[in-house]
Amino acid sequence: ENRLEQNIKQLKSEQFNDAYKDAIE
């Protein structure tokens, strides 16, 4: 649950798959 909340904050409104593909570092 904590990991999921961290992801929600980091991703904001972006979908995970999109953020994963676009991540440079």
PDB file of all heavy atoms in Angstrom:
ATOM      1  N   GLU A   1       0.830  -1.212   0.000  1.00  0.00           N
ATOM      2  CA  GLU A   1       0.000   0.000   0.000  1.00  0.00           C
ATOM      3  C   GLU A   1       0.864   1.261   0.000  1.00  0.00           C
ATOM      4  O   GLU A   1       0.593   2.215  -0.726  1.00  0.00           O
ATOM      5  CB  GLU A   1      -0.923  -0.003   1.218  1.00  0.00           C
ATOM      6  CG  GLU A   1      -1.900   1.158   1.245  1.00  0.00           C
ATOM      7  CD  GLU A   1      -2.838   1.095   2.434  1.00  0.00           C
ATOM      8  OE1 GLU A   1      -2.377   0.703   3.542  1.00  0.00           O
ATOM      9  OE2 GLU A   1      -4.020   1.435   2.284  1.00  0.00           O
ATOM     10  N   ASN A   2       1.924   1.261   0.801  1.00  0.00           N
ATOM     11  CA  ASN A   2       2.832   2.414   0.843  1.00  0.00           C
ATOM     12  C   ASN A   2       3.534   2.627  -0.493  1.00  0.00           C
ATOM     13  O   ASN A   2       3.678   3.761  -0.959  1.00  0.00           O
ATOM     14  CB  ASN A   2       3.874   2.222   1.952  1.00  0.00           C
ATOM     15  CG  ASN A   2       3.283   2.344   3.342  1.00  0.00           C
ATOM     16  OD1 ASN A   2       2.197   2.903   3.518  1.00  0.00           O
ATOM     17  ND2 ASN A   2       3.968   1.804   4.341  1.00  0.00           N
ATOM     18  N   ARG A   3       3.982   1.527  -1.118  1.00  0.00           N
ATOM     19  CA  ARG A   3       4.633   1.629  -2.423  1.00  0.00           C
ATOM     20  C   ARG A   3       3.664   2.187  -3.464  1.00  0.00           C
ATOM     21  O   ARG A   3       4.035   3.000  -4.309  1.00  0.00           O
ATOM     22  CB  ARG A   3       5.134   0.252  -2.871  1.00  0.00           C
ATOM     23  CG  ARG A   3       6.277  -0.303  -2.040  1.00  0.00           C
ATOM     24  CD  ARG A   3       7.581   0.441  -2.340  1.00  0.00           C
ATOM     25  NE  ARG A   3       8.710  -0.241  -1.760  1.00  0.00           N
ATOM     26  CZ  ARG A   3       9.178  -0.036  -0.531  1.00  0.00           C
ATOM     27  NH1 ARG A   3       8.568   0.859   0.250  1.00  0.00           N
ATOM     28  NH2 ARG A   3      10.233  -0.700  -0.086  1.00  0.00           N
ATOM     29  N   LEU A   4       2.419   1.739  -3.402  1.00  0.00           N
ATOM     30  CA  LEU A   4       1.412   2.200  -4.351  1.00  0.00           C
ATOM     31  C   LEU A   4       1.135   3.690  -4.170  1.00  0.00           C
ATOM     32  O   LEU A   4       1.012   4.436  -5.144  1.00  0.00           O
ATOM     33  CB  LEU A   4       0.129   1.393  -4.191  1.00  0.00           C
ATOM     34  CG  LEU A   4      -0.958   1.602  -5.243  1.00  0.00           C
ATOM     35  CD1 LEU A   4      -0.436   1.265  -6.635  1.00  0.00           C
ATOM     36  CD2 LEU A   4      -2.186   0.750  -4.919  1.00  0.00           C
ATOM     37  N   GLU A   5       1.072   4.131  -2.929  1.00  0.00           N
ATOM     38  CA  GLU A   5       0.849   5.556  -2.654  1.00  0.00           C
ATOM     39  C   GLU A   5       2.016   6.397  -3.163  1.00  0.00           C
ATOM     40  O   GLU A   5       1.821   7.497  -3.691  1.00  0.00           O
ATOM     41  CB  GLU A   5       0.646   5.772  -1.151  1.00  0.00           C
ATOM     42  CG  GLU A   5      -0.696   5.239  -0.639  1.00  0.00           C
ATOM     43  CD  GLU A   5      -0.855   5.405   0.863  1.00  0.00           C
ATOM     44  OE1 GLU A   5       0.125   5.857   1.519  1.00  0.00           O
ATOM     45  OE2 GLU A   5      -1.930   5.090   1.387  1.00  0.00           O
ATOM     46  N   GLN A   6       3.226   5.896  -3.006  1.00  0.00           N
ATOM     47  CA  GLN A   6       4.401   6.610  -3.529  1.00  0.00           C
ATOM     48  C   GLN A   6       4.318   6.738  -5.040  1.00  0.00           C
ATOM     49  O   GLN A   6       4.638   7.788  -5.606  1.00  0.00           O
ATOM     50  CB  GLN A   6       5.682   5.873  -3.112  1.00  0.00           C
ATOM     51  CG  GLN A   6       5.990   5.927  -1.621  1.00  0.00           C
ATOM     52  CD  GLN A   6       7.129   5.006  -1.223  1.00  0.00           C
ATOM     53  OE1 GLN A   6       7.817   4.441  -2.074  1.00  0.00           O
ATOM     54  NE2 GLN A   6       7.325   4.826   0.073  1.00  0.00           N
ATOM     55  N   ASN A   7       3.892   5.662  -5.714  1.00  0.00           N
ATOM     56  CA  ASN A   7       3.745   5.708  -7.168  1.00  0.00           C
ATOM     57  C   ASN A   7       2.688   6.713  -7.594  1.00  0.00           C
ATOM     58  O   ASN A   7       2.871   7.446  -8.572  1.00  0.00           O
ATOM     59  CB  ASN A   7       3.377   4.321  -7.708  1.00  0.00           C
ATOM     60  CG  ASN A   7       4.599   3.469  -8.026  1.00  0.00           C
ATOM     61  OD1 ASN A   7       5.721   3.823  -7.649  1.00  0.00           O
ATOM     62  ND2 ASN A   7       4.389   2.365  -8.696  1.00  0.00           N
ATOM     63  N   ILE A   8       1.581   6.734  -6.871  1.00  0.00           N
ATOM     64  CA  ILE A   8       0.498   7.658  -7.215  1.00  0.00           C
ATOM     65  C   ILE A   8       0.983   9.105  -7.136  1.00  0.00           C
ATOM     66  O   ILE A   8       0.696   9.929  -8.011  1.00  0.00           O
ATOM     67  CB  ILE A   8      -0.715   7.440  -6.284  1.00  0.00           C
ATOM     68  CG1 ILE A   8      -1.361   6.083  -6.595  1.00  0.00           C
ATOM     69  CG2 ILE A   8      -1.739   8.561  -6.445  1.00  0.00           C
ATOM     70  CD1 ILE A   8      -2.453   5.682  -5.624  1.00  0.00           C
ATOM     71  N   LYS A   9       1.771   9.402  -6.096  1.00  0.00           N
ATOM     72  CA  LYS A   9       2.318  10.755  -5.953  1.00  0.00           C
ATOM     73  C   LYS A   9       3.312  11.069  -7.067  1.00  0.00           C
ATOM     74  O   LYS A   9       3.325  12.167  -7.614  1.00  0.00           O
ATOM     75  CB  LYS A   9       2.988  10.899  -4.588  1.00  0.00           C
ATOM     76  CG  LYS A   9       2.022  10.901  -3.412  1.00  0.00           C
ATOM     77  CD  LYS A   9       2.763  11.025  -2.095  1.00  0.00           C
ATOM     78  CE  LYS A   9       1.802  11.011  -0.916  1.00  0.00           C
ATOM     79  NZ  LYS A   9       2.523  11.080   0.381  1.00  0.00           N
ATOM     80  N   GLN A  10       4.160  10.092  -7.393  1.00  0.00           N
ATOM     81  CA  GLN A  10       5.184  10.321  -8.417  1.00  0.00           C
ATOM     82  C   GLN A  10       4.573  10.444  -9.814  1.00  0.00           C
ATOM     83  O   GLN A  10       4.974  11.302 -10.607  1.00  0.00           O
ATOM     84  CB  GLN A  10       6.200   9.179  -8.403  1.00  0.00           C
ATOM     85  CG  GLN A  10       7.294   9.313  -9.457  1.00  0.00           C
ATOM     86  CD  GLN A  10       8.246   8.120  -9.466  1.00  0.00           C
ATOM     87  OE1 GLN A  10       8.238   7.297  -8.556  1.00  0.00           O
ATOM     88  NE2 GLN A  10       9.081   8.031 -10.492  1.00  0.00           N
ATOM     89  N   LEU A  11       3.594   9.589 -10.103  1.00  0.00           N
ATOM     90  CA  LEU A  11       3.014   9.562 -11.442  1.00  0.00           C
ATOM     91  C   LEU A  11       2.011  10.681 -11.664  1.00  0.00           C
ATOM     92  O   LEU A  11       1.722  11.052 -12.801  1.00  0.00           O
ATOM     93  CB  LEU A  11       2.323   8.209 -11.677  1.00  0.00           C
ATOM     94  CG  LEU A  11       3.229   6.976 -11.685  1.00  0.00           C
ATOM     95  CD1 LEU A  11       2.403   5.704 -11.698  1.00  0.00           C
ATOM     96  CD2 LEU A  11       4.171   7.005 -12.882  1.00  0.00           C
ATOM     97  N   LYS A  12       1.440  11.182 -10.526  1.00  0.00           N
ATOM     98  CA  LYS A  12       0.385  12.194 -10.619  1.00  0.00           C
ATOM     99  C   LYS A  12      -0.756  11.636 -11.459  1.00  0.00           C
ATOM    100  O   LYS A  12      -1.324  10.617 -11.134  1.00  0.00           O
ATOM    101  CB  LYS A  12       0.963  13.488 -11.160  1.00  0.00           C
ATOM    102  CG  LYS A  12       2.041  14.072 -10.240  1.00  0.00           C
ATOM    103  CD  LYS A  12       2.674  15.320 -10.790  1.00  0.00           C
ATOM    104  CE  LYS A  12       3.751  15.818  -9.844  1.00  0.00           C
ATOM    105  NZ  LYS A  12       4.458  17.005 -10.337  1.00  0.00           N
ATOM    106  N   SER A  13      -1.095  12.245 -12.558  1.00  0.00           N
ATOM    107  CA  SER A  13      -2.218  11.743 -13.349  1.00  0.00           C
ATOM    108  C   SER A  13      -1.768  10.856 -14.509  1.00  0.00           C
ATOM    109  O   SER A  13      -2.586  10.394 -15.300  1.00  0.00           O
ATOM    110  CB  SER A  13      -3.037  12.920 -13.895  1.00  0.00           C
ATOM    111  OG  SER A  13      -2.224  13.740 -14.725  1.00  0.00           O
ATOM    112  N   GLU A  14      -0.457  10.595 -14.599  1.00  0.00           N
ATOM    113  CA  GLU A  14       0.070   9.823 -15.722  1.00  0.00           C
ATOM    114  C   GLU A  14      -0.100   8.330 -15.483  1.00  0.00           C
ATOM    115  O   GLU A  14      -0.028   7.845 -14.357  1.00  0.00           O
ATOM    116  CB  GLU A  14       1.553  10.150 -15.935  1.00  0.00           C
ATOM    117  CG  GLU A  14       2.128   9.624 -17.243  1.00  0.00           C
ATOM    118  CD  GLU A  14       3.560  10.104 -17.479  1.00  0.00           C
ATOM    119  OE1 GLU A  14       4.134  10.713 -16.564  1.00  0.00           O
ATOM    120  OE2 GLU A  14       4.073   9.854 -18.580  1.00  0.00           O
ATOM    121  N   GLN A  15      -0.336   7.598 -16.554  1.00  0.00           N
ATOM    122  CA  GLN A  15      -0.417   6.144 -16.482  1.00  0.00           C
ATOM    123  C   GLN A  15       0.978   5.560 -16.310  1.00  0.00           C
ATOM    124  O   GLN A  15       1.956   6.065 -16.871  1.00  0.00           O
ATOM    125  CB  GLN A  15      -1.056   5.583 -17.752  1.00  0.00           C
ATOM    126  CG  GLN A  15      -2.512   5.964 -17.939  1.00  0.00           C
ATOM    127  CD  GLN A  15      -3.440   5.169 -17.043  1.00  0.00           C
ATOM    128  OE1 GLN A  15      -3.388   3.947 -17.004  1.00  0.00           O
ATOM    129  NE2 GLN A  15      -4.297   5.869 -16.315  1.00  0.00           N
ATOM    130  N   PHE A  16       1.062   4.447 -15.554  1.00  0.00           N
ATOM    131  CA  PHE A  16       2.366   3.854 -15.267  1.00  0.00           C
ATOM    132  C   PHE A  16       3.111   3.470 -16.541  1.00  0.00           C
ATOM    133  O   PHE A  16       4.301   3.752 -16.680  1.00  0.00           O
ATOM    134  CB  PHE A  16       2.195   2.620 -14.371  1.00  0.00           C
ATOM    135  CG  PHE A  16       3.486   1.893 -14.121  1.00  0.00           C
ATOM    136  CD1 PHE A  16       4.356   2.322 -13.128  1.00  0.00           C
ATOM    137  CD2 PHE A  16       3.848   0.792 -14.879  1.00  0.00           C
ATOM    138  CE1 PHE A  16       5.562   1.661 -12.897  1.00  0.00           C
ATOM    139  CE2 PHE A  16       5.051   0.131 -14.659  1.00  0.00           C
ATOM    140  CZ  PHE A  16       5.908   0.570 -13.659  1.00  0.00           C
ATOM    141  N   ASN A  17       2.432   2.798 -17.475  1.00  0.00           N
ATOM    142  CA  ASN A  17       3.105   2.335 -18.696  1.00  0.00           C
ATOM    143  C   ASN A  17       3.711   3.490 -19.481  1.00  0.00           C
ATOM    144  O   ASN A  17       4.819   3.378 -20.023  1.00  0.00           O
ATOM    145  CB  ASN A  17       2.126   1.565 -19.577  1.00  0.00           C
ATOM    146  CG  ASN A  17       1.866   0.157 -19.064  1.00  0.00           C
ATOM    147  OD1 ASN A  17       2.602  -0.330 -18.219  1.00  0.00           O
ATOM    148  ND2 ASN A  17       0.830  -0.468 -19.560  1.00  0.00           N
ATOM    149  N   ASP A  18       3.001   4.609 -19.546  1.00  0.00           N
ATOM    150  CA  ASP A  18       3.512   5.773 -20.262  1.00  0.00           C
ATOM    151  C   ASP A  18       4.739   6.341 -19.566  1.00  0.00           C
ATOM    152  O   ASP A  18       5.740   6.676 -20.211  1.00  0.00           O
ATOM    153  CB  ASP A  18       2.426   6.850 -20.376  1.00  0.00           C
ATOM    154  CG  ASP A  18       1.249   6.389 -21.234  1.00  0.00           C
ATOM    155  OD1 ASP A  18       1.465   5.517 -22.092  1.00  0.00           O
ATOM    156  OD2 ASP A  18       0.135   6.898 -21.025  1.00  0.00           O
ATOM    157  N   ALA A  19       4.674   6.444 -18.243  1.00  0.00           N
ATOM    158  CA  ALA A  19       5.801   6.987 -17.480  1.00  0.00           C
ATOM    159  C   ALA A  19       7.011   6.070 -17.568  1.00  0.00           C
ATOM    160  O   ALA A  19       8.154   6.525 -17.625  1.00  0.00           O
ATOM    161  CB  ALA A  19       5.391   7.185 -16.019  1.00  0.00           C
ATOM    162  N   TYR A  20       6.760   4.753 -17.597  1.00  0.00           N
ATOM    163  CA  TYR A  20       7.846   3.776 -17.668  1.00  0.00           C
ATOM    164  C   TYR A  20       8.584   3.881 -18.997  1.00  0.00           C
ATOM    165  O   TYR A  20       9.817   3.849 -19.053  1.00  0.00           O
ATOM    166  CB  TYR A  20       7.268   2.375 -17.483  1.00  0.00           C
ATOM    167  CG  TYR A  20       8.284   1.324 -17.118  1.00  0.00           C
ATOM    168  CD1 TYR A  20       8.635   1.106 -15.794  1.00  0.00           C
ATOM    169  CD2 TYR A  20       8.880   0.530 -18.094  1.00  0.00           C
ATOM    170  CE1 TYR A  20       9.559   0.144 -15.454  1.00  0.00           C
ATOM    171  CE2 TYR A  20       9.802  -0.453 -17.759  1.00  0.00           C
ATOM    172  CZ  TYR A  20      10.139  -0.638 -16.440  1.00  0.00           C
ATOM    173  OH  TYR A  20      11.051  -1.595 -16.101  1.00  0.00           O
ATOM    174  N   LYS A  21       7.814   4.035 -20.077  1.00  0.00           N
ATOM    175  CA  LYS A  21       8.417   4.146 -21.408  1.00  0.00           C
ATOM    176  C   LYS A  21       9.171   5.462 -21.577  1.00  0.00           C
ATOM    177  O   LYS A  21      10.206   5.515 -22.249  1.00  0.00           O
ATOM    178  CB  LYS A  21       7.333   4.034 -22.476  1.00  0.00           C
ATOM    179  CG  LYS A  21       6.695   2.662 -22.567  1.00  0.00           C
ATOM    180  CD  LYS A  21       5.547   2.666 -23.568  1.00  0.00           C
ATOM    181  CE  LYS A  21       4.831   1.323 -23.604  1.00  0.00           C
ATOM    182  NZ  LYS A  21       3.654   1.359 -24.510  1.00  0.00           N
ATOM    183  N   ASP A  22       8.650   6.530 -20.978  1.00  0.00           N
ATOM    184  CA  ASP A  22       9.223   7.863 -21.177  1.00  0.00           C
ATOM    185  C   ASP A  22      10.384   8.171 -20.230  1.00  0.00           C
ATOM    186  O   ASP A  22      11.086   9.168 -20.415  1.00  0.00           O
ATOM    187  CB  ASP A  22       8.140   8.939 -20.986  1.00  0.00           C
ATOM    188  CG  ASP A  22       7.034   8.819 -22.035  1.00  0.00           C
ATOM    189  OD1 ASP A  22       7.284   8.190 -23.077  1.00  0.00           O
ATOM    190  OD2 ASP A  22       5.925   9.343 -21.792  1.00  0.00           O
ATOM    191  N   ALA A  23      10.587   7.322 -19.201  1.00  0.00           N
ATOM    192  CA  ALA A  23      11.628   7.591 -18.207  1.00  0.00           C
ATOM    193  C   ALA A  23      13.008   7.568 -18.856  1.00  0.00           C
ATOM    194  O   ALA A  23      13.374   6.606 -19.533  1.00  0.00           O
ATOM    195  CB  ALA A  23      11.551   6.568 -17.081  1.00  0.00           C
ATOM    196  N   ILE A  24      13.765   8.637 -18.651  1.00  0.00           N
ATOM    197  CA  ILE A  24      15.098   8.736 -19.233  1.00  0.00           C
ATOM    198  C   ILE A  24      16.145   8.140 -18.306  1.00  0.00           C
ATOM    199  O   ILE A  24      17.047   7.408 -18.728  1.00  0.00           O
ATOM    200  CB  ILE A  24      15.434  10.210 -19.530  1.00  0.00           C
ATOM    201  CG1 ILE A  24      14.435  10.782 -20.550  1.00  0.00           C
ATOM    202  CG2 ILE A  24      16.857  10.344 -20.056  1.00  0.00           C
ATOM    203  CD1 ILE A  24      14.598  12.262 -20.792  1.00  0.00           C
ATOM    204  N   GLU A  25      16.044   8.424 -17.015  1.00  0.00           N
ATOM    205  CA  GLU A  25      17.034   7.926 -16.056  1.00  0.00           C
ATOM    206  C   GLU A  25      16.405   6.916 -15.089  1.00  0.00           C
ATOM    207  O   GLU A  25      16.575   5.717 -15.253  1.00  0.00           O
ATOM    208  CB  GLU A  25      17.659   9.105 -15.298  1.00  0.00           C
ATOM    209  CG  GLU A  25      18.472  10.038 -16.194  1.00  0.00           C
ATOM    210  CD  GLU A  25      19.111  11.165 -15.416  1.00  0.00           C
ATOM    211  OE1 GLU A  25      18.884  11.250 -14.204  1.00  0.00           O
ATOM    212  OE2 GLU A  25      19.838  11.958 -16.033  1.00  0.00           O
TER     213      GLU A  25
END
